[in-house]
Amino acid sequence: MGKQVWKPGNMIYPLPAVMVSCGRPGEKPNIITVAWTGTVCTAPPMVYISVRPERYSYAIIEETKEFVINLTTKDLAAATDYCGVRSGRDVDKFKEMKLTPVPGDKVKAPLIGECPVNVECRVTDIKKLGSHHMFLAEVLAVHADEAYMDEKGRFDLNATGLMAYSHGEYRELGKKIGTFGYSVKKGGQSKSIHRKQKRRK
């Protein structure tokens, strides 16, 4: 079966659809939905978000050098979409979506109380790349909802109903098909995979 060759474009999916909160002192805080985001480094913990310079939140983040990445869930899908298609110049997104601004520990930008994970970030560099500028940031603190702690005190992130963005659609994450490193472990799932592969030969 052949494949079509298209012009260069962004086709790396799925991506996290996160709500990024920011704000200037004395002004209403704002939320921007971002899919161009991810991990940059483990030690020190660093992340990035890429934002178009014309977006309302861009100037706020550029000036304050801080923001909060708030992970989203299927229950927050409508709010996530709304915060991506409406401008903070025109509406109070916290108020319209009935979201709760919660003070952060390390930054002045608020957390979104309804999100299961909030990542406080401080900008270390801005890369002006083209249509989007990349805010590189150091992670200062992570907040996890106690409602998803199991009996052993471990945070069960995958029980929160996480969603992703893929090719114009919001998608709820599906069933587990493996764990990190399972393909090289003895027994378990990797053993059954090897048996299936042998049968195909």
C-alpha atoms as a PDB file:
ATOM      1  CA  MET A   1       0.000   0.000   0.000  1.00  0.00           C
ATOM      2  CA  GLY A   2       1.395   3.385  -0.982  1.00  0.00           C
ATOM      3  CA  LYS A   3       1.559   6.601   1.001  1.00  0.00           C
ATOM      4  CA  GLN A   4       0.812  10.156  -0.061  1.00  0.00           C
ATOM      5  CA  VAL A   5       3.539  12.757   0.347  1.00  0.00           C
ATOM      6  CA  TRP A   6       2.291  16.043   1.763  1.00  0.00           C
ATOM      7  CA  LYS A   7       3.962  19.401   2.225  1.00  0.00           C
ATOM      8  CA  PRO A   8       5.761  19.970   5.556  1.00  0.00           C
ATOM      9  CA  GLY A   9       3.402  20.350   8.506  1.00  0.00           C
ATOM     10  CA  ASN A  10       2.765  19.386  12.099  1.00  0.00           C
ATOM     11  CA  MET A  11       1.416  15.846  12.215  1.00  0.00           C
ATOM     12  CA  ILE A  12       2.751  14.640  15.552  1.00  0.00           C
ATOM     13  CA  TYR A  13      -0.361  13.500  17.384  1.00  0.00           C
ATOM     14  CA  PRO A  14      -1.840  12.947  19.903  1.00  0.00           C
ATOM     15  CA  LEU A  15      -0.832  15.887  22.072  1.00  0.00           C
ATOM     16  CA  PRO A  16      -1.839  17.003  25.541  1.00  0.00           C
ATOM     17  CA  ALA A  17      -4.534  19.672  25.497  1.00  0.00           C
ATOM     18  CA  VAL A  18      -3.732  21.792  28.537  1.00  0.00           C
ATOM     19  CA  MET A  19      -5.155  24.967  29.973  1.00  0.00           C
ATOM     20  CA  VAL A  20      -2.433  27.483  30.766  1.00  0.00           C
ATOM     21  CA  SER A  21      -3.319  30.088  33.366  1.00  0.00           C
ATOM     22  CA  CYS A  22      -1.577  33.426  33.689  1.00  0.00           C
ATOM     23  CA  GLY A  23      -2.224  36.916  34.970  1.00  0.00           C
ATOM     24  CA  ARG A  24      -0.911  40.364  35.763  1.00  0.00           C
ATOM     25  CA  PRO A  25      -1.259  41.860  39.258  1.00  0.00           C
ATOM     26  CA  GLY A  26      -4.433  43.922  39.516  1.00  0.00           C
ATOM     27  CA  GLU A  27      -6.031  42.382  36.410  1.00  0.00           C
ATOM     28  CA  LYS A  28      -8.358  39.442  35.928  1.00  0.00           C
ATOM     29  CA  PRO A  29      -6.421  36.209  35.362  1.00  0.00           C
ATOM     30  CA  ASN A  30      -6.675  34.473  32.014  1.00  0.00           C
ATOM     31  CA  ILE A  31      -6.590  30.968  30.559  1.00  0.00           C
ATOM     32  CA  ILE A  32      -5.243  29.930  27.165  1.00  0.00           C
ATOM     33  CA  THR A  33      -5.600  26.413  25.784  1.00  0.00           C
ATOM     34  CA  VAL A  34      -2.359  25.030  24.372  1.00  0.00           C
ATOM     35  CA  ALA A  35      -1.552  21.796  22.552  1.00  0.00           C
ATOM     36  CA  TRP A  36       2.025  22.751  21.630  1.00  0.00           C
ATOM     37  CA  THR A  37       3.483  21.821  25.009  1.00  0.00           C
ATOM     38  CA  GLY A  38       5.666  19.155  26.521  1.00  0.00           C
ATOM     39  CA  THR A  39       8.647  18.046  28.567  1.00  0.00           C
ATOM     40  CA  VAL A  40      12.093  19.430  27.803  1.00  0.00           C
ATOM     41  CA  CYS A  41      14.320  18.192  30.608  1.00  0.00           C
ATOM     42  CA  THR A  42      14.190  16.060  33.760  1.00  0.00           C
ATOM     43  CA  ALA A  43      16.973  17.612  35.829  1.00  0.00           C
ATOM     44  CA  PRO A  44      16.255  20.437  36.233  1.00  0.00           C
ATOM     45  CA  PRO A  45      12.573  19.794  35.449  1.00  0.00           C
ATOM     46  CA  MET A  46      11.713  21.960  32.459  1.00  0.00           C
ATOM     47  CA  VAL A  47       8.744  22.267  30.114  1.00  0.00           C
ATOM     48  CA  TYR A  48       7.685  24.447  27.214  1.00  0.00           C
ATOM     49  CA  ILE A  49       4.600  26.021  25.716  1.00  0.00           C
ATOM     50  CA  SER A  50       4.450  27.589  22.243  1.00  0.00           C
ATOM     51  CA  VAL A  51       2.104  30.552  21.770  1.00  0.00           C
ATOM     52  CA  ARG A  52       1.301  32.837  18.851  1.00  0.00           C
ATOM     53  CA  PRO A  53       2.493  36.394  19.655  1.00  0.00           C
ATOM     54  CA  GLU A  54      -0.920  37.838  18.770  1.00  0.00           C
ATOM     55  CA  ARG A  55      -2.668  35.852  21.490  1.00  0.00           C
ATOM     56  CA  TYR A  56      -3.852  37.867  24.502  1.00  0.00           C
ATOM     57  CA  SER A  57      -1.956  35.662  26.946  1.00  0.00           C
ATOM     58  CA  TYR A  58       1.344  36.037  25.103  1.00  0.00           C
ATOM     59  CA  ALA A  59       2.055  39.553  26.393  1.00  0.00           C
ATOM     60  CA  ILE A  60       1.033  38.553  29.911  1.00  0.00           C
ATOM     61  CA  ILE A  61       3.431  35.608  30.014  1.00  0.00           C
ATOM     62  CA  GLU A  62       6.185  37.595  28.309  1.00  0.00           C
ATOM     63  CA  GLU A  63       5.881  40.322  30.941  1.00  0.00           C
ATOM     64  CA  THR A  64       5.366  38.248  34.099  1.00  0.00           C
ATOM     65  CA  LYS A  65       7.674  35.371  33.055  1.00  0.00           C
ATOM     66  CA  GLU A  66       5.377  32.832  34.709  1.00  0.00           C
ATOM     67  CA  PHE A  67       2.414  30.573  34.013  1.00  0.00           C
ATOM     68  CA  VAL A  68       0.692  27.408  35.238  1.00  0.00           C
ATOM     69  CA  ILE A  69       0.094  24.316  33.093  1.00  0.00           C
ATOM     70  CA  ASN A  70      -3.187  22.678  34.144  1.00  0.00           C
ATOM     71  CA  LEU A  71      -3.847  19.132  32.923  1.00  0.00           C
ATOM     72  CA  THR A  72      -7.323  18.563  31.513  1.00  0.00           C
ATOM     73  CA  THR A  73      -9.843  15.727  31.627  1.00  0.00           C
ATOM     74  CA  LYS A  74     -12.900  14.583  29.683  1.00  0.00           C
ATOM     75  CA  ASP A  75     -15.085  16.476  32.174  1.00  0.00           C
ATOM     76  CA  LEU A  76     -13.207  19.664  31.299  1.00  0.00           C
ATOM     77  CA  ALA A  77     -13.369  19.196  27.520  1.00  0.00           C
ATOM     78  CA  ALA A  78     -15.874  21.998  26.905  1.00  0.00           C
ATOM     79  CA  ALA A  79     -13.965  24.434  29.110  1.00  0.00           C
ATOM     80  CA  THR A  80     -10.716  23.471  27.417  1.00  0.00           C
ATOM     81  CA  ASP A  81     -12.169  24.164  23.990  1.00  0.00           C
ATOM     82  CA  TYR A  82     -13.810  27.430  25.091  1.00  0.00           C
ATOM     83  CA  CYS A  83     -10.564  28.761  26.530  1.00  0.00           C
ATOM     84  CA  GLY A  84      -8.904  28.060  23.199  1.00  0.00           C
ATOM     85  CA  VAL A  85     -11.435  29.806  20.953  1.00  0.00           C
ATOM     86  CA  ARG A  86     -12.413  32.812  23.090  1.00  0.00           C
ATOM     87  CA  SER A  87     -10.053  35.680  23.882  1.00  0.00           C
ATOM     88  CA  GLY A  88      -9.349  36.987  27.347  1.00  0.00           C
ATOM     89  CA  ARG A  89      -9.595  40.460  25.858  1.00  0.00           C
ATOM     90  CA  ASP A  90     -13.340  39.939  25.626  1.00  0.00           C
ATOM     91  CA  VAL A  91     -14.381  37.519  28.368  1.00  0.00           C
ATOM     92  CA  ASP A  92     -13.483  36.389  31.872  1.00  0.00           C
ATOM     93  CA  LYS A  93     -12.842  32.710  31.181  1.00  0.00           C
ATOM     94  CA  PHE A  94     -12.734  31.674  34.839  1.00  0.00           C
ATOM     95  CA  LYS A  95     -16.151  33.231  35.341  1.00  0.00           C
ATOM     96  CA  GLU A  96     -17.733  32.007  32.090  1.00  0.00           C
ATOM     97  CA  MET A  97     -16.572  28.399  32.573  1.00  0.00           C
ATOM     98  CA  LYS A  98     -17.170  28.421  36.355  1.00  0.00           C
ATOM     99  CA  LEU A  99     -13.549  27.508  37.030  1.00  0.00           C
ATOM    100  CA  THR A 100     -11.877  28.214  40.353  1.00  0.00           C
ATOM    101  CA  PRO A 101      -8.690  30.318  40.495  1.00  0.00           C
ATOM    102  CA  VAL A 102      -6.482  28.986  43.286  1.00  0.00           C
ATOM    103  CA  PRO A 103      -3.366  30.843  44.511  1.00  0.00           C
ATOM    104  CA  GLY A 104      -0.088  29.184  43.585  1.00  0.00           C
ATOM    105  CA  ASP A 105       2.790  28.531  45.954  1.00  0.00           C
ATOM    106  CA  LYS A 106       5.618  29.845  43.770  1.00  0.00           C
ATOM    107  CA  VAL A 107       4.029  32.070  41.124  1.00  0.00           C
ATOM    108  CA  LYS A 108       1.391  34.773  41.118  1.00  0.00           C
ATOM    109  CA  ALA A 109      -0.537  33.152  38.277  1.00  0.00           C
ATOM    110  CA  PRO A 110      -3.483  31.122  39.624  1.00  0.00           C
ATOM    111  CA  LEU A 111      -3.989  27.384  39.405  1.00  0.00           C
ATOM    112  CA  ILE A 112      -7.265  25.988  38.028  1.00  0.00           C
ATOM    113  CA  GLY A 113      -8.854  24.183  40.964  1.00  0.00           C
ATOM    114  CA  GLU A 114     -10.850  21.709  38.862  1.00  0.00           C
ATOM    115  CA  CYS A 115      -7.761  20.304  37.107  1.00  0.00           C
ATOM    116  CA  PRO A 116      -6.164  17.179  38.643  1.00  0.00           C
ATOM    117  CA  VAL A 117      -2.591  18.432  38.171  1.00  0.00           C
ATOM    118  CA  ASN A 118      -1.197  21.970  38.143  1.00  0.00           C
ATOM    119  CA  VAL A 119       2.409  22.718  37.204  1.00  0.00           C
ATOM    120  CA  GLU A 120       3.812  26.091  38.304  1.00  0.00           C
ATOM    121  CA  CYS A 121       6.388  27.395  35.835  1.00  0.00           C
ATOM    122  CA  ARG A 122       8.871  30.255  35.513  1.00  0.00           C
ATOM    123  CA  VAL A 123      10.063  31.294  32.073  1.00  0.00           C
ATOM    124  CA  THR A 124      13.821  31.016  31.517  1.00  0.00           C
ATOM    125  CA  ASP A 125      13.983  31.780  27.797  1.00  0.00           C
ATOM    126  CA  ILE A 126      11.791  32.769  24.857  1.00  0.00           C
ATOM    127  CA  LYS A 127      12.581  31.314  21.440  1.00  0.00           C
ATOM    128  CA  LYS A 128      11.070  33.367  18.611  1.00  0.00           C
ATOM    129  CA  LEU A 129      10.662  30.622  16.043  1.00  0.00           C
ATOM    130  CA  GLY A 130       8.059  31.826  13.534  1.00  0.00           C
ATOM    131  CA  SER A 131       4.281  31.501  13.823  1.00  0.00           C
ATOM    132  CA  HIS A 132       4.741  30.510  17.486  1.00  0.00           C
ATOM    133  CA  HIS A 133       7.222  31.606  20.113  1.00  0.00           C
ATOM    134  CA  MET A 134       8.400  28.968  22.556  1.00  0.00           C
ATOM    135  CA  PHE A 135       8.436  29.755  26.285  1.00  0.00           C
ATOM    136  CA  LEU A 136      11.012  27.510  27.942  1.00  0.00           C
ATOM    137  CA  ALA A 137      10.288  27.268  31.647  1.00  0.00           C
ATOM    138  CA  GLU A 138      11.519  25.675  34.839  1.00  0.00           C
ATOM    139  CA  VAL A 139       9.006  23.743  36.919  1.00  0.00           C
ATOM    140  CA  LEU A 140       8.800  25.278  40.393  1.00  0.00           C
ATOM    141  CA  ALA A 141       6.044  23.145  41.952  1.00  0.00           C
ATOM    142  CA  VAL A 142       3.505  20.460  41.055  1.00  0.00           C
ATOM    143  CA  HIS A 143       0.066  20.174  42.680  1.00  0.00           C
ATOM    144  CA  ALA A 144      -1.807  16.855  42.595  1.00  0.00           C
ATOM    145  CA  ASP A 145      -5.457  16.342  43.581  1.00  0.00           C
ATOM    146  CA  GLU A 146      -5.676  14.198  46.719  1.00  0.00           C
ATOM    147  CA  ALA A 147      -8.885  12.627  45.397  1.00  0.00           C
ATOM    148  CA  TYR A 148      -6.728  10.466  43.128  1.00  0.00           C
ATOM    149  CA  MET A 149      -4.346   9.157  45.760  1.00  0.00           C
ATOM    150  CA  ASP A 150      -4.613   5.386  46.264  1.00  0.00           C
ATOM    151  CA  GLU A 151      -4.449   3.509  49.571  1.00  0.00           C
ATOM    152  CA  LYS A 152      -0.649   3.444  49.369  1.00  0.00           C
ATOM    153  CA  GLY A 153      -0.413   7.190  48.869  1.00  0.00           C
ATOM    154  CA  ARG A 154       0.449   6.952  45.180  1.00  0.00           C
ATOM    155  CA  PHE A 155      -1.112   9.366  42.713  1.00  0.00           C
ATOM    156  CA  ASP A 156      -3.208   7.565  40.099  1.00  0.00           C
ATOM    157  CA  LEU A 157      -3.013  10.071  37.259  1.00  0.00           C
ATOM    158  CA  ASN A 158      -4.600   7.708  34.754  1.00  0.00           C
ATOM    159  CA  ALA A 159      -7.781   7.545  36.852  1.00  0.00           C
ATOM    160  CA  THR A 160      -8.485  11.241  36.317  1.00  0.00           C
ATOM    161  CA  GLY A 161      -9.990  10.846  32.838  1.00  0.00           C
ATOM    162  CA  LEU A 162      -7.169  12.505  30.934  1.00  0.00           C
ATOM    163  CA  MET A 163      -7.794  13.594  27.367  1.00  0.00           C
ATOM    164  CA  ALA A 164      -5.629  14.422  24.383  1.00  0.00           C
ATOM    165  CA  TYR A 165      -5.854  16.505  21.221  1.00  0.00           C
ATOM    166  CA  SER A 166      -5.447  14.702  17.898  1.00  0.00           C
ATOM    167  CA  HIS A 167      -5.901  16.154  14.424  1.00  0.00           C
ATOM    168  CA  GLY A 168      -8.586  18.635  15.410  1.00  0.00           C
ATOM    169  CA  GLU A 169     -10.380  16.372  17.890  1.00  0.00           C
ATOM    170  CA  TYR A 170     -10.373  15.969  21.666  1.00  0.00           C
ATOM    171  CA  ARG A 171      -9.992  12.305  22.602  1.00  0.00           C
ATOM    172  CA  GLU A 172     -10.382  10.486  25.890  1.00  0.00           C
ATOM    173  CA  LEU A 173      -7.373   8.270  26.582  1.00  0.00           C
ATOM    174  CA  GLY A 174      -8.129   4.570  26.140  1.00  0.00           C
ATOM    175  CA  LYS A 175      -7.228   1.314  27.842  1.00  0.00           C
ATOM    176  CA  LYS A 176      -3.768   0.424  29.077  1.00  0.00           C
ATOM    177  CA  ILE A 177      -1.756  -1.700  26.638  1.00  0.00           C
ATOM    178  CA  GLY A 178       1.513  -1.893  28.562  1.00  0.00           C
ATOM    179  CA  THR A 179       3.796  -0.246  31.088  1.00  0.00           C
ATOM    180  CA  PHE A 180       7.192   1.378  30.670  1.00  0.00           C
ATOM    181  CA  GLY A 181       9.790  -1.293  29.896  1.00  0.00           C
ATOM    182  CA  TYR A 182       7.309  -4.180  29.651  1.00  0.00           C
ATOM    183  CA  SER A 183       8.662  -5.284  26.260  1.00  0.00           C
ATOM    184  CA  VAL A 184      11.982  -6.389  27.770  1.00  0.00           C
ATOM    185  CA  LYS A 185      10.737  -7.863  31.046  1.00  0.00           C
ATOM    186  CA  LYS A 186      10.630 -11.617  31.546  1.00  0.00           C
ATOM    187  CA  GLY A 187       7.167 -13.159  31.566  1.00  0.00           C
ATOM    188  CA  GLY A 188       3.973 -11.156  31.599  1.00  0.00           C
ATOM    189  CA  GLN A 189       2.895  -9.263  28.523  1.00  0.00           C
ATOM    190  CA  SER A 190       6.240  -9.400  26.738  1.00  0.00           C
ATOM    191  CA  LYS A 191       6.196 -13.227  26.864  1.00  0.00           C
ATOM    192  CA  SER A 192       2.776 -13.380  25.205  1.00  0.00           C
ATOM    193  CA  ILE A 193       3.929 -10.927  22.546  1.00  0.00           C
ATOM    194  CA  HIS A 194       6.917 -13.118  21.697  1.00  0.00           C
ATOM    195  CA  ARG A 195       4.618 -16.141  21.386  1.00  0.00           C
ATOM    196  CA  LYS A 196       2.353 -14.261  18.982  1.00  0.00           C
ATOM    197  CA  GLN A 197       5.322 -13.136  16.925  1.00  0.00           C
ATOM    198  CA  LYS A 198       6.613 -16.706  16.654  1.00  0.00           C
ATOM    199  CA  ARG A 199       3.210 -17.921  15.469  1.00  0.00           C
ATOM    200  CA  ARG A 200       3.217 -15.320  12.702  1.00  0.00           C
ATOM    201  CA  LYS A 201       6.583 -16.521  11.326  1.00  0.00           C
END
